[in-house]
Amino acid sequence: MIKNNEIKFLIDTLTKNLVIRVIKDFGLSVKEGLDAVYNSQLYDRILDLDTGLYYQSAGYNYQLLHKELVEGKFA
């Protein structure tokens, strides 16, 4: 999968920040927050290094995730 340790670190840090925001904003448990992020279309796109989303800010990615969770579709 991802071989570069720096890219893996960026993705892991971004994912952690997204989970924390989802838990806070939607009042979810840790498990529910993890499920929401890991099962999102956004997470799949973050893992696709060609999109470049892995090096965008957590705030930018959270806007996309929030829209996906609220509207049920990836923007």
C-alpha atoms as a PDB file:
ATOM      1  CA  MET A   1       0.000   0.000   0.000  1.00  0.00           C
ATOM      2  CA  ILE A   2       1.722   3.210   1.138  1.00  0.00           C
ATOM      3  CA  LYS A   3       5.479   2.777   1.315  1.00  0.00           C
ATOM      4  CA  ASN A   4       6.732   6.243   2.076  1.00  0.00           C
ATOM      5  CA  ASN A   5       6.803   6.789   5.857  1.00  0.00           C
ATOM      6  CA  GLU A   6       6.293  10.549   5.505  1.00  0.00           C
ATOM      7  CA  ILE A   7       3.148  10.076   3.425  1.00  0.00           C
ATOM      8  CA  LYS A   8       1.862   7.460   5.860  1.00  0.00           C
ATOM      9  CA  PHE A   9       2.483   9.894   8.728  1.00  0.00           C
ATOM     10  CA  LEU A  10       0.560  12.664   6.917  1.00  0.00           C
ATOM     11  CA  ILE A  11      -2.374  10.350   6.236  1.00  0.00           C
ATOM     12  CA  ASP A  12      -2.436   9.007   9.800  1.00  0.00           C
ATOM     13  CA  THR A  13      -2.304  12.516  11.283  1.00  0.00           C
ATOM     14  CA  LEU A  14      -5.000  13.786   8.925  1.00  0.00           C
ATOM     15  CA  THR A  15      -7.209  10.790   9.722  1.00  0.00           C
ATOM     16  CA  LYS A  16      -6.789  11.322  13.464  1.00  0.00           C
ATOM     17  CA  ASN A  17      -7.790  14.977  13.120  1.00  0.00           C
ATOM     18  CA  LEU A  18     -10.818  14.102  10.999  1.00  0.00           C
ATOM     19  CA  VAL A  19     -11.982  11.502  13.522  1.00  0.00           C
ATOM     20  CA  ILE A  20     -11.640  13.971  16.403  1.00  0.00           C
ATOM     21  CA  ARG A  21     -13.693  16.601  14.560  1.00  0.00           C
ATOM     22  CA  VAL A  22     -16.389  14.118  13.537  1.00  0.00           C
ATOM     23  CA  ILE A  23     -16.711  12.877  17.122  1.00  0.00           C
ATOM     24  CA  LYS A  24     -16.971  16.435  18.427  1.00  0.00           C
ATOM     25  CA  ASP A  25     -19.292  17.881  15.773  1.00  0.00           C
ATOM     26  CA  PHE A  26     -21.665  14.919  15.458  1.00  0.00           C
ATOM     27  CA  GLY A  27     -21.557  13.705  19.075  1.00  0.00           C
ATOM     28  CA  LEU A  28     -20.337  10.247  18.105  1.00  0.00           C
ATOM     29  CA  SER A  29     -18.505   7.602  20.080  1.00  0.00           C
ATOM     30  CA  VAL A  30     -14.896   6.865  19.175  1.00  0.00           C
ATOM     31  CA  LYS A  31     -15.945   3.721  17.289  1.00  0.00           C
ATOM     32  CA  GLU A  32     -18.648   5.608  15.389  1.00  0.00           C
ATOM     33  CA  GLY A  33     -16.188   8.384  14.520  1.00  0.00           C
ATOM     34  CA  LEU A  34     -13.629   5.900  13.253  1.00  0.00           C
ATOM     35  CA  ASP A  35     -16.293   4.098  11.224  1.00  0.00           C
ATOM     36  CA  ALA A  36     -17.540   7.379   9.739  1.00  0.00           C
ATOM     37  CA  VAL A  37     -14.080   8.380   8.532  1.00  0.00           C
ATOM     38  CA  TYR A  38     -12.736   4.986   7.456  1.00  0.00           C
ATOM     39  CA  ASN A  39     -15.921   4.120   5.544  1.00  0.00           C
ATOM     40  CA  SER A  40     -16.179   7.470   3.762  1.00  0.00           C
ATOM     41  CA  GLN A  41     -15.526   8.132   0.105  1.00  0.00           C
ATOM     42  CA  LEU A  42     -13.188  10.899   1.224  1.00  0.00           C
ATOM     43  CA  TYR A  43     -10.919   8.427   3.039  1.00  0.00           C
ATOM     44  CA  ASP A  44     -10.680   6.334  -0.133  1.00  0.00           C
ATOM     45  CA  ARG A  45      -9.679   9.463  -2.024  1.00  0.00           C
ATOM     46  CA  ILE A  46      -7.128  10.448   0.633  1.00  0.00           C
ATOM     47  CA  LEU A  47      -5.485   7.039   0.163  1.00  0.00           C
ATOM     48  CA  ASP A  48      -5.355   7.660  -3.595  1.00  0.00           C
ATOM     49  CA  LEU A  49      -2.119   9.619  -3.657  1.00  0.00           C
ATOM     50  CA  ASP A  50      -2.903  11.009  -7.113  1.00  0.00           C
ATOM     51  CA  THR A  51      -5.649  13.211  -5.588  1.00  0.00           C
ATOM     52  CA  GLY A  52      -3.185  15.041  -3.352  1.00  0.00           C
ATOM     53  CA  LEU A  53      -5.759  15.217  -0.565  1.00  0.00           C
ATOM     54  CA  TYR A  54      -3.370  13.617   1.910  1.00  0.00           C
ATOM     55  CA  TYR A  55      -1.296  16.807   2.069  1.00  0.00           C
ATOM     56  CA  GLN A  56      -4.223  19.224   2.227  1.00  0.00           C
ATOM     57  CA  SER A  57      -5.219  20.666   5.585  1.00  0.00           C
ATOM     58  CA  ALA A  58      -7.505  18.858   7.996  1.00  0.00           C
ATOM     59  CA  GLY A  59      -9.901  21.813   7.722  1.00  0.00           C
ATOM     60  CA  TYR A  60     -10.164  21.498   3.956  1.00  0.00           C
ATOM     61  CA  ASN A  61     -10.668  17.742   4.126  1.00  0.00           C
ATOM     62  CA  TYR A  62     -13.175  18.099   6.952  1.00  0.00           C
ATOM     63  CA  GLN A  63     -15.336  20.389   4.818  1.00  0.00           C
ATOM     64  CA  LEU A  64     -15.500  17.619   2.221  1.00  0.00           C
ATOM     65  CA  LEU A  65     -16.161  14.949   4.851  1.00  0.00           C
ATOM     66  CA  HIS A  66     -18.853  17.003   6.593  1.00  0.00           C
ATOM     67  CA  LYS A  67     -20.673  17.529   3.301  1.00  0.00           C
ATOM     68  CA  GLU A  68     -20.436  13.813   2.561  1.00  0.00           C
ATOM     69  CA  LEU A  69     -21.779  12.832   5.970  1.00  0.00           C
ATOM     70  CA  VAL A  70     -24.606  15.377   5.977  1.00  0.00           C
ATOM     71  CA  GLU A  71     -25.673  15.068   2.345  1.00  0.00           C
ATOM     72  CA  GLY A  72     -24.696  11.440   1.814  1.00  0.00           C
ATOM     73  CA  LYS A  73     -22.489  12.172  -1.165  1.00  0.00           C
ATOM     74  CA  PHE A  74     -18.905  13.169  -1.790  1.00  0.00           C
ATOM     75  CA  ALA A  75     -18.531  16.675  -3.180  1.00  0.00           C
END
